C-alpha atoms as a PDB file:
ATOM      1  CA  UNK A   1      33.094 -35.820 -34.686  1.00  0.00           C
ATOM      2  CA  UNK A   2      32.986 -38.714 -37.295  1.00  0.00           C
ATOM      3  CA  UNK A   3      35.452 -38.822 -40.534  1.00  0.00           C
ATOM      4  CA  UNK A   4      36.219 -40.838 -43.257  1.00  0.00           C
ATOM      5  CA  UNK A   5      39.356 -40.012 -45.307  1.00  0.00           C
ATOM      6  CA  UNK A   6      39.732 -41.296 -48.890  1.00  0.00           C
ATOM      7  CA  UNK A   7      43.645 -41.304 -49.679  1.00  0.00           C
ATOM      8  CA  UNK A   8      45.495 -42.643 -52.886  1.00  0.00           C
ATOM      9  CA  UNK A   9      46.999 -46.348 -51.668  1.00  0.00           C
ATOM     10  CA  UNK A  10      49.725 -46.893 -54.266  1.00  0.00           C
ATOM     11  CA  UNK A  11      52.565 -44.116 -52.867  1.00  0.00           C
ATOM     12  CA  UNK A  12      53.855 -42.836 -49.738  1.00  0.00           C
ATOM     13  CA  UNK A  13      52.324 -39.559 -50.611  1.00  0.00           C
ATOM     14  CA  UNK A  14      49.390 -40.695 -50.198  1.00  0.00           C
ATOM     15  CA  UNK A  15      49.632 -42.999 -47.450  1.00  0.00           C
ATOM     16  CA  UNK A  16      51.398 -40.214 -45.365  1.00  0.00           C
ATOM     17  CA  UNK A  17      48.045 -37.936 -46.486  1.00  0.00           C
ATOM     18  CA  UNK A  18      46.030 -40.042 -44.801  1.00  0.00           C
ATOM     19  CA  UNK A  19      48.096 -40.655 -41.574  1.00  0.00           C
ATOM     20  CA  UNK A  20      48.199 -36.908 -41.053  1.00  0.00           C
ATOM     21  CA  UNK A  21      44.321 -36.555 -41.134  1.00  0.00           C
ATOM     22  CA  UNK A  22      43.826 -40.001 -39.082  1.00  0.00           C
ATOM     23  CA  UNK A  23      46.253 -38.079 -36.620  1.00  0.00           C
ATOM     24  CA  UNK A  24      44.891 -35.185 -36.720  1.00  0.00           C
ATOM     25  CA  UNK A  25      40.977 -36.053 -37.067  1.00  0.00           C
ATOM     26  CA  UNK A  26      40.667 -39.783 -35.885  1.00  0.00           C
ATOM     27  CA  UNK A  27      39.427 -40.576 -39.233  1.00  0.00           C
ATOM     28  CA  UNK A  28      38.886 -44.132 -40.692  1.00  0.00           C
ATOM     29  CA  UNK A  29      40.847 -44.653 -43.244  1.00  0.00           C
ATOM     30  CA  UNK A  30      39.648 -46.101 -46.960  1.00  0.00           C
ATOM     31  CA  UNK A  31      42.636 -46.445 -49.661  1.00  0.00           C
ATOM     32  CA  UNK A  32      41.820 -46.203 -53.270  1.00  0.00           C
ATOM     33  CA  UNK A  33      43.188 -46.320 -56.434  1.00  0.00           C
ATOM     34  CA  UNK A  34      41.492 -43.458 -58.881  1.00  0.00           C
ATOM     35  CA  UNK A  35      39.358 -46.259 -60.628  1.00  0.00           C
ATOM     36  CA  UNK A  36      37.564 -47.112 -57.412  1.00  0.00           C
ATOM     37  CA  UNK A  37      37.147 -43.947 -56.024  1.00  0.00           C
ATOM     38  CA  UNK A  38      33.894 -43.157 -56.970  1.00  0.00           C
ATOM     39  CA  UNK A  39      32.374 -46.401 -55.608  1.00  0.00           C
ATOM     40  CA  UNK A  40      34.432 -46.022 -52.545  1.00  0.00           C
ATOM     41  CA  UNK A  41      32.987 -42.079 -52.311  1.00  0.00           C
ATOM     42  CA  UNK A  42      29.349 -44.060 -52.548  1.00  0.00           C
ATOM     43  CA  UNK A  43      30.152 -46.311 -49.992  1.00  0.00           C
ATOM     44  CA  UNK A  44      31.013 -43.697 -47.499  1.00  0.00           C
ATOM     45  CA  UNK A  45      28.422 -43.893 -44.287  1.00  0.00           C
ATOM     46  CA  UNK A  46      25.641 -41.299 -44.803  1.00  0.00           C
ATOM     47  CA  UNK A  47      26.181 -40.461 -40.983  1.00  0.00           C
ATOM     48  CA  UNK A  48      29.548 -39.394 -41.422  1.00  0.00           C
ATOM     49  CA  UNK A  49      30.327 -35.403 -40.106  1.00  0.00           C
ATOM     50  CA  UNK A  50      32.950 -35.116 -43.203  1.00  0.00           C
ATOM     51  CA  UNK A  51      35.171 -36.494 -45.750  1.00  0.00           C
ATOM     52  CA  UNK A  52      38.519 -35.787 -46.574  1.00  0.00           C
ATOM     53  CA  UNK A  53      39.787 -36.748 -49.709  1.00  0.00           C
ATOM     54  CA  UNK A  54      43.793 -37.027 -50.337  1.00  0.00           C
ATOM     55  CA  UNK A  55      45.971 -37.382 -53.325  1.00  0.00           C
ATOM     56  CA  UNK A  56      43.323 -38.780 -55.808  1.00  0.00           C
ATOM     57  CA  UNK A  57      43.105 -36.146 -58.348  1.00  0.00           C
ATOM     58  CA  UNK A  58      40.120 -36.186 -60.582  1.00  0.00           C
ATOM     59  CA  UNK A  59      40.087 -35.563 -64.324  1.00  0.00           C
ATOM     60  CA  UNK A  60      37.301 -34.923 -66.614  1.00  0.00           C
ATOM     61  CA  UNK A  61      36.668 -37.834 -67.880  1.00  0.00           C
ATOM     62  CA  UNK A  62      34.821 -38.709 -64.558  1.00  0.00           C
ATOM     63  CA  UNK A  63      34.353 -35.242 -63.573  1.00  0.00           C
ATOM     64  CA  UNK A  64      30.571 -35.257 -63.866  1.00  0.00           C
ATOM     65  CA  UNK A  65      30.009 -38.459 -61.793  1.00  0.00           C
ATOM     66  CA  UNK A  66      32.620 -36.866 -58.813  1.00  0.00           C
ATOM     67  CA  UNK A  67      30.693 -33.517 -58.683  1.00  0.00           C
ATOM     68  CA  UNK A  68      27.326 -35.414 -58.309  1.00  0.00           C
ATOM     69  CA  UNK A  69      28.637 -37.806 -55.739  1.00  0.00           C
ATOM     70  CA  UNK A  70      30.634 -34.575 -54.027  1.00  0.00           C
ATOM     71  CA  UNK A  71      27.108 -32.854 -53.778  1.00  0.00           C
ATOM     72  CA  UNK A  72      25.940 -35.524 -52.234  1.00  0.00           C
ATOM     73  CA  UNK A  73      28.353 -35.673 -49.407  1.00  0.00           C
ATOM     74  CA  UNK A  74      28.346 -31.533 -48.917  1.00  0.00           C
ATOM     75  CA  UNK A  75      24.591 -31.797 -48.340  1.00  0.00           C
ATOM     76  CA  UNK A  76      25.394 -33.393 -44.956  1.00  0.00           C
ATOM     77  CA  UNK A  77      28.769 -33.072 -44.201  1.00  0.00           C
ATOM     78  CA  UNK A  78      31.969 -31.532 -44.866  1.00  0.00           C
ATOM     79  CA  UNK A  79      34.241 -32.147 -47.649  1.00  0.00           C
ATOM     80  CA  UNK A  80      37.821 -30.947 -48.073  1.00  0.00           C
ATOM     81  CA  UNK A  81      39.652 -32.006 -50.962  1.00  0.00           C
ATOM     82  CA  UNK A  82      43.516 -32.306 -50.586  1.00  0.00           C
ATOM     83  CA  UNK A  83      45.528 -32.809 -54.161  1.00  0.00           C
ATOM     84  CA  UNK A  84      48.292 -31.034 -56.216  1.00  0.00           C
ATOM     85  CA  UNK A  85      47.340 -32.714 -59.712  1.00  0.00           C
ATOM     86  CA  UNK A  86      47.358 -30.705 -62.494  1.00  0.00           C
ATOM     87  CA  UNK A  87      43.922 -29.544 -62.259  1.00  0.00           C
ATOM     88  CA  UNK A  88      41.804 -26.064 -64.822  1.00  0.00           C
ATOM     89  CA  UNK A  89      40.500 -23.294 -63.291  1.00  0.00           C
ATOM     90  CA  UNK A  90      36.757 -24.771 -64.506  1.00  0.00           C
ATOM     91  CA  UNK A  91      37.561 -27.748 -62.241  1.00  0.00           C
ATOM     92  CA  UNK A  92      38.645 -25.895 -59.338  1.00  0.00           C
ATOM     93  CA  UNK A  93      35.441 -23.638 -59.455  1.00  0.00           C
ATOM     94  CA  UNK A  94      32.744 -26.403 -60.323  1.00  0.00           C
ATOM     95  CA  UNK A  95      34.209 -28.068 -56.858  1.00  0.00           C
ATOM     96  CA  UNK A  96      33.980 -25.042 -55.080  1.00  0.00           C
ATOM     97  CA  UNK A  97      30.331 -24.395 -56.061  1.00  0.00           C
ATOM     98  CA  UNK A  98      29.775 -28.462 -55.112  1.00  0.00           C
ATOM     99  CA  UNK A  99      30.069 -27.239 -52.009  1.00  0.00           C
ATOM    100  CA  UNK A 100      33.999 -28.601 -51.790  1.00  0.00           C
ATOM    101  CA  UNK A 101      36.710 -27.392 -49.753  1.00  0.00           C
ATOM    102  CA  UNK A 102      39.346 -27.160 -51.704  1.00  0.00           C
ATOM    103  CA  UNK A 103      43.419 -27.734 -50.574  1.00  0.00           C
ATOM    104  CA  UNK A 104      44.743 -27.386 -53.898  1.00  0.00           C
ATOM    105  CA  UNK A 105      48.654 -26.565 -55.174  1.00  0.00           C
ATOM    106  CA  UNK A 106      50.160 -27.820 -57.667  1.00  0.00           C
ATOM    107  CA  UNK A 107      53.932 -27.363 -55.919  1.00  0.00           C
ATOM    108  CA  UNK A 108      53.564 -29.385 -53.241  1.00  0.00           C
ATOM    109  CA  UNK A 109      52.482 -32.555 -52.323  1.00  0.00           C
ATOM    110  CA  UNK A 110      49.165 -34.329 -50.656  1.00  0.00           C
ATOM    111  CA  UNK A 111      51.069 -35.000 -47.284  1.00  0.00           C
ATOM    112  CA  UNK A 112      52.242 -31.318 -46.733  1.00  0.00           C
ATOM    113  CA  UNK A 113      49.141 -30.093 -47.977  1.00  0.00           C
ATOM    114  CA  UNK A 114      47.287 -32.191 -45.432  1.00  0.00           C
ATOM    115  CA  UNK A 115      50.073 -31.387 -42.720  1.00  0.00           C
ATOM    116  CA  UNK A 116      49.484 -27.300 -43.500  1.00  0.00           C
ATOM    117  CA  UNK A 117      45.974 -28.074 -43.371  1.00  0.00           C
ATOM    118  CA  UNK A 118      45.326 -29.681 -40.007  1.00  0.00           C
ATOM    119  CA  UNK A 119      49.000 -28.266 -38.374  1.00  0.00           C
ATOM    120  CA  UNK A 120      47.345 -26.853 -35.360  1.00  0.00           C
ATOM    121  CA  UNK A 121      46.137 -30.491 -34.117  1.00  0.00           C
ATOM    122  CA  UNK A 122      49.099 -32.229 -35.055  1.00  0.00           C
ATOM    123  CA  UNK A 123      52.304 -32.706 -32.954  1.00  0.00           C
ATOM    124  CA  UNK A 124      55.648 -31.595 -34.367  1.00  0.00           C
ATOM    125  CA  UNK A 125      56.979 -35.047 -35.187  1.00  0.00           C
ATOM    126  CA  UNK A 126      53.780 -35.311 -38.100  1.00  0.00           C
ATOM    127  CA  UNK A 127      56.098 -32.768 -40.416  1.00  0.00           C
ATOM    128  CA  UNK A 128      58.436 -36.026 -40.984  1.00  0.00           C
ATOM    129  CA  UNK A 129      55.389 -37.467 -42.542  1.00  0.00           C
ATOM    130  CA  UNK A 130      55.038 -34.716 -44.777  1.00  0.00           C
ATOM    131  CA  UNK A 131      58.197 -35.059 -46.237  1.00  0.00           C
ATOM    132  CA  UNK A 132      57.998 -38.992 -46.704  1.00  0.00           C
ATOM    133  CA  UNK A 133      55.619 -37.698 -49.144  1.00  0.00           C
ATOM    134  CA  UNK A 134      57.454 -34.852 -50.466  1.00  0.00           C
ATOM    135  CA  UNK A 135      60.699 -37.003 -50.821  1.00  0.00           C
ATOM    136  CA  UNK A 136      59.192 -39.620 -52.856  1.00  0.00           C
ATOM    137  CA  UNK A 137      57.062 -37.805 -55.207  1.00  0.00           C
ATOM    138  CA  UNK A 138      60.572 -35.698 -55.834  1.00  0.00           C
ATOM    139  CA  UNK A 139      58.613 -32.265 -54.074  1.00  0.00           C
ATOM    140  CA  UNK A 140      60.971 -31.716 -51.397  1.00  0.00           C
ATOM    141  CA  UNK A 141      62.151 -28.671 -53.321  1.00  0.00           C
ATOM    142  CA  UNK A 142      59.002 -27.059 -52.769  1.00  0.00           C
ATOM    143  CA  UNK A 143      58.897 -24.097 -50.597  1.00  0.00           C
ATOM    144  CA  UNK A 144      56.998 -25.397 -47.452  1.00  0.00           C
ATOM    145  CA  UNK A 145      58.877 -28.880 -47.993  1.00  0.00           C
ATOM    146  CA  UNK A 146      62.649 -26.713 -47.820  1.00  0.00           C
ATOM    147  CA  UNK A 147      61.782 -25.150 -44.585  1.00  0.00           C
ATOM    148  CA  UNK A 148      60.153 -28.144 -42.944  1.00  0.00           C
ATOM    149  CA  UNK A 149      63.076 -29.928 -43.907  1.00  0.00           C
ATOM    150  CA  UNK A 150      65.759 -27.334 -42.784  1.00  0.00           C
ATOM    151  CA  UNK A 151      64.423 -28.691 -38.973  1.00  0.00           C
ATOM    152  CA  UNK A 152      65.316 -32.256 -39.737  1.00  0.00           C
ATOM    153  CA  UNK A 153      68.698 -34.527 -40.383  1.00  0.00           C
ATOM    154  CA  UNK A 154      68.153 -34.365 -44.304  1.00  0.00           C
ATOM    155  CA  UNK A 155      69.716 -38.326 -44.989  1.00  0.00           C
ATOM    156  CA  UNK A 156      67.472 -39.126 -42.038  1.00  0.00           C
ATOM    157  CA  UNK A 157      64.280 -38.325 -43.468  1.00  0.00           C
ATOM    158  CA  UNK A 158      65.754 -39.488 -47.391  1.00  0.00           C
ATOM    159  CA  UNK A 159      66.627 -43.078 -45.589  1.00  0.00           C
ATOM    160  CA  UNK A 160      63.322 -42.995 -44.029  1.00  0.00           C
ATOM    161  CA  UNK A 161      61.464 -41.864 -46.934  1.00  0.00           C
ATOM    162  CA  UNK A 162      62.987 -44.349 -49.121  1.00  0.00           C
ATOM    163  CA  UNK A 163      62.660 -47.451 -47.149  1.00  0.00           C
ATOM    164  CA  UNK A 164      59.162 -47.187 -46.835  1.00  0.00           C
ATOM    165  CA  UNK A 165      58.881 -46.004 -50.059  1.00  0.00           C
ATOM    166  CA  UNK A 166      60.825 -49.356 -51.006  1.00  0.00           C
ATOM    167  CA  UNK A 167      59.029 -51.159 -48.664  1.00  0.00           C
ATOM    168  CA  UNK A 168      55.306 -50.024 -50.055  1.00  0.00           C
ATOM    169  CA  UNK A 169      57.207 -51.258 -53.799  1.00  0.00           C
ATOM    170  CA  UNK A 170      57.649 -55.017 -52.276  1.00  0.00           C
ATOM    171  CA  UNK A 171      54.583 -55.307 -49.843  1.00  0.00           C
ATOM    172  CA  UNK A 172      51.688 -53.272 -51.161  1.00  0.00           C
ATOM    173  CA  UNK A 173      49.940 -56.524 -52.783  1.00  0.00           C
ATOM    174  CA  UNK A 174      50.031 -57.907 -49.122  1.00  0.00           C
ATOM    175  CA  UNK A 175      46.218 -57.667 -47.988  1.00  0.00           C
ATOM    176  CA  UNK A 176      46.243 -54.950 -44.877  1.00  0.00           C
ATOM    177  CA  UNK A 177      49.960 -53.844 -45.221  1.00  0.00           C
ATOM    178  CA  UNK A 178      49.693 -50.661 -46.489  1.00  0.00           C
ATOM    179  CA  UNK A 179      46.649 -50.166 -43.970  1.00  0.00           C
ATOM    180  CA  UNK A 180      48.807 -51.045 -42.073  1.00  0.00           C
ATOM    181  CA  UNK A 181      51.506 -48.155 -42.812  1.00  0.00           C
ATOM    182  CA  UNK A 182      48.764 -45.641 -42.650  1.00  0.00           C
ATOM    183  CA  UNK A 183      47.941 -46.577 -38.784  1.00  0.00           C
ATOM    184  CA  UNK A 184      51.390 -46.947 -37.594  1.00  0.00           C
ATOM    185  CA  UNK A 185      52.499 -43.462 -39.353  1.00  0.00           C
ATOM    186  CA  UNK A 186      49.515 -42.084 -37.643  1.00  0.00           C
ATOM    187  CA  UNK A 187      50.664 -42.962 -34.039  1.00  0.00           C
ATOM    188  CA  UNK A 188      54.182 -41.149 -35.168  1.00  0.00           C
ATOM    189  CA  UNK A 189      56.000 -44.112 -35.975  1.00  0.00           C
ATOM    190  CA  UNK A 190      59.040 -43.956 -37.798  1.00  0.00           C
ATOM    191  CA  UNK A 191      59.409 -46.779 -40.863  1.00  0.00           C
ATOM    192  CA  UNK A 192      62.664 -48.109 -39.221  1.00  0.00           C
ATOM    193  CA  UNK A 193      60.735 -48.784 -36.049  1.00  0.00           C
ATOM    194  CA  UNK A 194      58.176 -50.826 -38.577  1.00  0.00           C
ATOM    195  CA  UNK A 195      57.781 -54.541 -38.234  1.00  0.00           C
ATOM    196  CA  UNK A 196      59.207 -56.011 -41.602  1.00  0.00           C
ATOM    197  CA  UNK A 197      59.680 -52.812 -43.123  1.00  0.00           C
ATOM    198  CA  UNK A 198      63.493 -52.493 -43.535  1.00  0.00           C
ATOM    199  CA  UNK A 199      63.991 -56.081 -44.722  1.00  0.00           C
ATOM    200  CA  UNK A 200      60.662 -55.457 -47.462  1.00  0.00           C
ATOM    201  CA  UNK A 201      62.985 -52.789 -48.469  1.00  0.00           C
ATOM    202  CA  UNK A 202      66.064 -54.713 -48.566  1.00  0.00           C
ATOM    203  CA  UNK A 203      64.273 -57.065 -51.095  1.00  0.00           C
ATOM    204  CA  UNK A 204      63.070 -54.482 -53.064  1.00  0.00           C
ATOM    205  CA  UNK A 205      66.474 -53.010 -53.409  1.00  0.00           C
ATOM    206  CA  UNK A 206      67.677 -56.049 -54.464  1.00  0.00           C
ATOM    207  CA  UNK A 207      64.912 -56.035 -56.969  1.00  0.00           C
ATOM    208  CA  UNK A 208      65.279 -53.218 -58.253  1.00  0.00           C
ATOM    209  CA  UNK A 209      68.963 -53.756 -59.175  1.00  0.00           C
ATOM    210  CA  UNK A 210      67.798 -56.803 -60.899  1.00  0.00           C
ATOM    211  CA  UNK A 211      64.894 -55.111 -62.773  1.00  0.00           C
ATOM    212  CA  UNK A 212      67.222 -52.252 -64.540  1.00  0.00           C
ATOM    213  CA  UNK A 213      68.994 -55.186 -66.064  1.00  0.00           C
ATOM    214  CA  UNK A 214      65.683 -56.602 -66.979  1.00  0.00           C
ATOM    215  CA  UNK A 215      64.329 -53.216 -68.412  1.00  0.00           C
ATOM    216  CA  UNK A 216      67.535 -52.705 -70.841  1.00  0.00           C
ATOM    217  CA  UNK A 217      66.654 -56.180 -72.075  1.00  0.00           C
ATOM    218  CA  UNK A 218      62.799 -55.832 -72.354  1.00  0.00           C
ATOM    219  CA  UNK A 219      61.907 -51.805 -73.339  1.00  0.00           C
ATOM    220  CA  UNK A 220      62.164 -50.154 -76.556  1.00  0.00           C
ATOM    221  CA  UNK A 221      62.922 -47.069 -77.681  1.00  0.00           C
ATOM    222  CA  UNK A 222      60.338 -45.140 -79.865  1.00  0.00           C
ATOM    223  CA  UNK A 223      61.512 -41.839 -80.717  1.00  0.00           C
ATOM    224  CA  UNK A 224      62.230 -39.628 -77.524  1.00  0.00           C
ATOM    225  CA  UNK A 225      60.975 -42.148 -75.199  1.00  0.00           C
ATOM    226  CA  UNK A 226      60.753 -45.850 -73.989  1.00  0.00           C
ATOM    227  CA  UNK A 227      58.261 -48.143 -73.096  1.00  0.00           C
ATOM    228  CA  UNK A 228      57.467 -51.253 -71.997  1.00  0.00           C
ATOM    229  CA  UNK A 229      55.069 -54.085 -70.543  1.00  0.00           C
ATOM    230  CA  UNK A 230      55.447 -55.533 -67.285  1.00  0.00           C
ATOM    231  CA  UNK A 231      53.726 -56.895 -64.449  1.00  0.00           C
ATOM    232  CA  UNK A 232      55.696 -54.795 -62.225  1.00  0.00           C
ATOM    233  CA  UNK A 233      53.574 -53.388 -59.230  1.00  0.00           C
ATOM    234  CA  UNK A 234      55.232 -50.057 -59.181  1.00  0.00           C
ATOM    235  CA  UNK A 235      55.036 -48.805 -62.670  1.00  0.00           C
ATOM    236  CA  UNK A 236      56.514 -45.564 -61.662  1.00  0.00           C
ATOM    237  CA  UNK A 237      59.952 -47.216 -61.003  1.00  0.00           C
ATOM    238  CA  UNK A 238      59.962 -49.290 -64.294  1.00  0.00           C
ATOM    239  CA  UNK A 239      59.350 -46.055 -66.268  1.00  0.00           C
ATOM    240  CA  UNK A 240      62.022 -44.092 -64.423  1.00  0.00           C
ATOM    241  CA  UNK A 241      64.576 -47.305 -65.013  1.00  0.00           C
ATOM    242  CA  UNK A 242      63.506 -46.938 -69.001  1.00  0.00           C
ATOM    243  CA  UNK A 243      64.646 -43.200 -68.892  1.00  0.00           C
ATOM    244  CA  UNK A 244      68.186 -44.723 -67.788  1.00  0.00           C
ATOM    245  CA  UNK A 245      68.431 -47.413 -69.773  1.00  0.00           C
ATOM    246  CA  UNK A 246      67.744 -45.561 -73.278  1.00  0.00           C
ATOM    247  CA  UNK A 247      68.887 -42.638 -72.188  1.00  0.00           C
ATOM    248  CA  UNK A 248      65.484 -40.648 -73.152  1.00  0.00           C
ATOM    249  CA  UNK A 249      63.234 -37.812 -71.655  1.00  0.00           C
ATOM    250  CA  UNK A 250      60.223 -39.977 -71.111  1.00  0.00           C
ATOM    251  CA  UNK A 251      59.948 -43.186 -69.859  1.00  0.00           C
ATOM    252  CA  UNK A 252      56.363 -45.336 -70.017  1.00  0.00           C
ATOM    253  CA  UNK A 253      55.219 -48.543 -68.477  1.00  0.00           C
ATOM    254  CA  UNK A 254      52.237 -50.435 -69.071  1.00  0.00           C
ATOM    255  CA  UNK A 255      50.564 -53.090 -67.174  1.00  0.00           C
ATOM    256  CA  UNK A 256      47.379 -54.738 -67.625  1.00  0.00           C
ATOM    257  CA  UNK A 257      45.665 -54.412 -64.015  1.00  0.00           C
ATOM    258  CA  UNK A 258      42.174 -55.667 -65.939  1.00  0.00           C
ATOM    259  CA  UNK A 259      41.530 -57.535 -68.758  1.00  0.00           C
ATOM    260  CA  UNK A 260      41.424 -55.462 -71.404  1.00  0.00           C
ATOM    261  CA  UNK A 261      42.707 -52.430 -69.460  1.00  0.00           C
ATOM    262  CA  UNK A 262      46.575 -51.224 -69.227  1.00  0.00           C
ATOM    263  CA  UNK A 263      47.693 -49.162 -66.094  1.00  0.00           C
ATOM    264  CA  UNK A 264      50.206 -46.498 -67.738  1.00  0.00           C
ATOM    265  CA  UNK A 265      52.678 -44.837 -65.523  1.00  0.00           C
ATOM    266  CA  UNK A 266      54.835 -41.960 -67.257  1.00  0.00           C
ATOM    267  CA  UNK A 267      58.013 -40.293 -65.631  1.00  0.00           C
ATOM    268  CA  UNK A 268      59.784 -37.347 -67.423  1.00  0.00           C
ATOM    269  CA  UNK A 269      63.377 -35.602 -66.983  1.00  0.00           C
ATOM    270  CA  UNK A 270      63.376 -31.709 -67.239  1.00  0.00           C
ATOM    271  CA  UNK A 271      64.081 -32.095 -70.984  1.00  0.00           C
ATOM    272  CA  UNK A 272      60.815 -33.544 -71.744  1.00  0.00           C
ATOM    273  CA  UNK A 273      58.880 -30.561 -73.688  1.00  0.00           C
ATOM    274  CA  UNK A 274      55.317 -30.982 -72.224  1.00  0.00           C
ATOM    275  CA  UNK A 275      53.820 -31.735 -68.728  1.00  0.00           C
ATOM    276  CA  UNK A 276      52.664 -34.710 -68.596  1.00  0.00           C
ATOM    277  CA  UNK A 277      49.753 -34.745 -66.545  1.00  0.00           C
ATOM    278  CA  UNK A 278      47.762 -32.301 -68.608  1.00  0.00           C
ATOM    279  CA  UNK A 279      48.758 -34.025 -71.952  1.00  0.00           C
ATOM    280  CA  UNK A 280      47.741 -37.407 -70.538  1.00  0.00           C
ATOM    281  CA  UNK A 281      44.695 -36.223 -69.668  1.00  0.00           C
ATOM    282  CA  UNK A 282      44.058 -34.981 -72.770  1.00  0.00           C
ATOM    283  CA  UNK A 283      45.462 -37.708 -74.893  1.00  0.00           C
ATOM    284  CA  UNK A 284      43.831 -40.610 -72.413  1.00  0.00           C
ATOM    285  CA  UNK A 285      40.525 -38.695 -72.668  1.00  0.00           C
ATOM    286  CA  UNK A 286      40.135 -39.034 -76.109  1.00  0.00           C
ATOM    287  CA  UNK A 287      41.285 -42.843 -75.900  1.00  0.00           C
ATOM    288  CA  UNK A 288      38.662 -44.079 -73.981  1.00  0.00           C
ATOM    289  CA  UNK A 289      40.257 -43.779 -70.666  1.00  0.00           C
ATOM    290  CA  UNK A 290      41.397 -41.061 -67.833  1.00  0.00           C
ATOM    291  CA  UNK A 291      44.126 -40.051 -66.270  1.00  0.00           C
ATOM    292  CA  UNK A 292      46.704 -36.978 -65.040  1.00  0.00           C
ATOM    293  CA  UNK A 293      49.427 -35.846 -62.915  1.00  0.00           C
ATOM    294  CA  UNK A 294      52.343 -33.914 -62.762  1.00  0.00           C
ATOM    295  CA  UNK A 295      54.622 -32.174 -64.575  1.00  0.00           C
ATOM    296  CA  UNK A 296      57.212 -35.187 -64.981  1.00  0.00           C
ATOM    297  CA  UNK A 297      54.973 -37.753 -63.287  1.00  0.00           C
ATOM    298  CA  UNK A 298      51.698 -39.113 -64.425  1.00  0.00           C
ATOM    299  CA  UNK A 299      49.184 -42.100 -65.083  1.00  0.00           C
ATOM    300  CA  UNK A 300      46.563 -42.891 -66.709  1.00  0.00           C
ATOM    301  CA  UNK A 301      44.401 -46.213 -67.219  1.00  0.00           C
ATOM    302  CA  UNK A 302      43.607 -47.008 -71.051  1.00  0.00           C
ATOM    303  CA  UNK A 303      42.053 -49.646 -73.583  1.00  0.00           C
ATOM    304  CA  UNK A 304      44.711 -52.329 -74.048  1.00  0.00           C
ATOM    305  CA  UNK A 305      43.834 -51.370 -78.177  1.00  0.00           C
ATOM    306  CA  UNK A 306      44.598 -48.028 -77.733  1.00  0.00           C
ATOM    307  CA  UNK A 307      47.991 -48.147 -76.293  1.00  0.00           C
ATOM    308  CA  UNK A 308      49.737 -48.141 -79.884  1.00  0.00           C
ATOM    309  CA  UNK A 309      47.999 -45.226 -80.248  1.00  0.00           C
ATOM    310  CA  UNK A 310      49.053 -43.328 -76.862  1.00  0.00           C
ATOM    311  CA  UNK A 311      52.421 -44.195 -77.264  1.00  0.00           C
ATOM    312  CA  UNK A 312      52.871 -42.525 -80.503  1.00  0.00           C
ATOM    313  CA  UNK A 313      51.111 -39.937 -79.504  1.00  0.00           C
ATOM    314  CA  UNK A 314      53.457 -39.213 -76.821  1.00  0.00           C
ATOM    315  CA  UNK A 315      56.294 -40.197 -79.032  1.00  0.00           C
ATOM    316  CA  UNK A 316      55.379 -37.043 -81.361  1.00  0.00           C
ATOM    317  CA  UNK A 317      55.241 -34.277 -78.426  1.00  0.00           C
ATOM    318  CA  UNK A 318      57.992 -35.808 -75.877  1.00  0.00           C
END
C-alpha cells in the first residue's frame, strides 16, 4: 500500500505525528506549513492508496480550496485527517461529506491522536514520540497523555522532548534536518541518540537566554499584550518570552516571512480572556489572511499593512 503523509514541519508535534504515521504505514513524508498545504496536496502522486494529513488545521479562508482537493483525493484513495486545532461543526461536517476520515480532538495533540489511530501496528516505544508532541504543545495534561506518561520516567520524557524542540528551533532552517528527525523518530531513535541534536539544543538554550534580553529591550506593550517584530525562526518562543518580559497575558511575535506578509504567533496565559485560535481565525480572515490554533497558542499569516489593526483588535480582547 502506498501512503503519503503531509504534516506540519514547524514543531515537534507535527514531526512526531509524521514519524508515527511513517512507522505504521511506511508512508512517504512531506513536511508542510499552512501556506503551502494545498500546493502539497495537489502534488501528491495520483496512484497513492492513502493520504494522511497531520497537525495542519484548515480554516475558513482556505476551506473551499481544501475541500476541492480533498474530494479529488477521496475519489481515488483514503484520506485521513488528524488534527487538534479549533474546528467548527460546519467544517467537520463538510470534511466528512467530502469523504475524509476525520480524527479530531482539541484536548489531545496530533501526535497522540496519530498514535491512537495507528496503535495496533506500532511498537510500544512509539508512545514516547506521542508524548514528545504532547509536552512541547503544552498538552501533556490531557486524558490520553496522562495515562501514557505514567508508563515512563516523566523527567526523561520532558528532557528528550525539550531537547528535540530546541534542536528544531536551532536547525530547522537547515535543509533536510526536519526530514531526518522524522526518519529517525520513525526508527524509534531517541533525541539524545540523534547526531547533532544534543549539540543544537545546547546552542539554542544559549540563544534563548540572550533572546530573553532582546525581547525585553525590543518588545512593546499595548494594553494587555506585548508584541515584537523579529527574525527568529521560532516566533512562538518570542511570543512566550514577551509574556514574561512584560507581565502580560498575551504575547504576539511577528516575522516577515514573504515580502508584504507577516507570520504571526500568539501565546497566552490562563488570564487571557479569549480562545486565541478562534479569535485569530476570525480576525485574520477579516484582514485578508488566514490562521487559527488552540486556546492559548495560535498563529496566522496576514498582510504587513494590516498588522497594526490586528494588534489593536487583539489588545481590546486580551
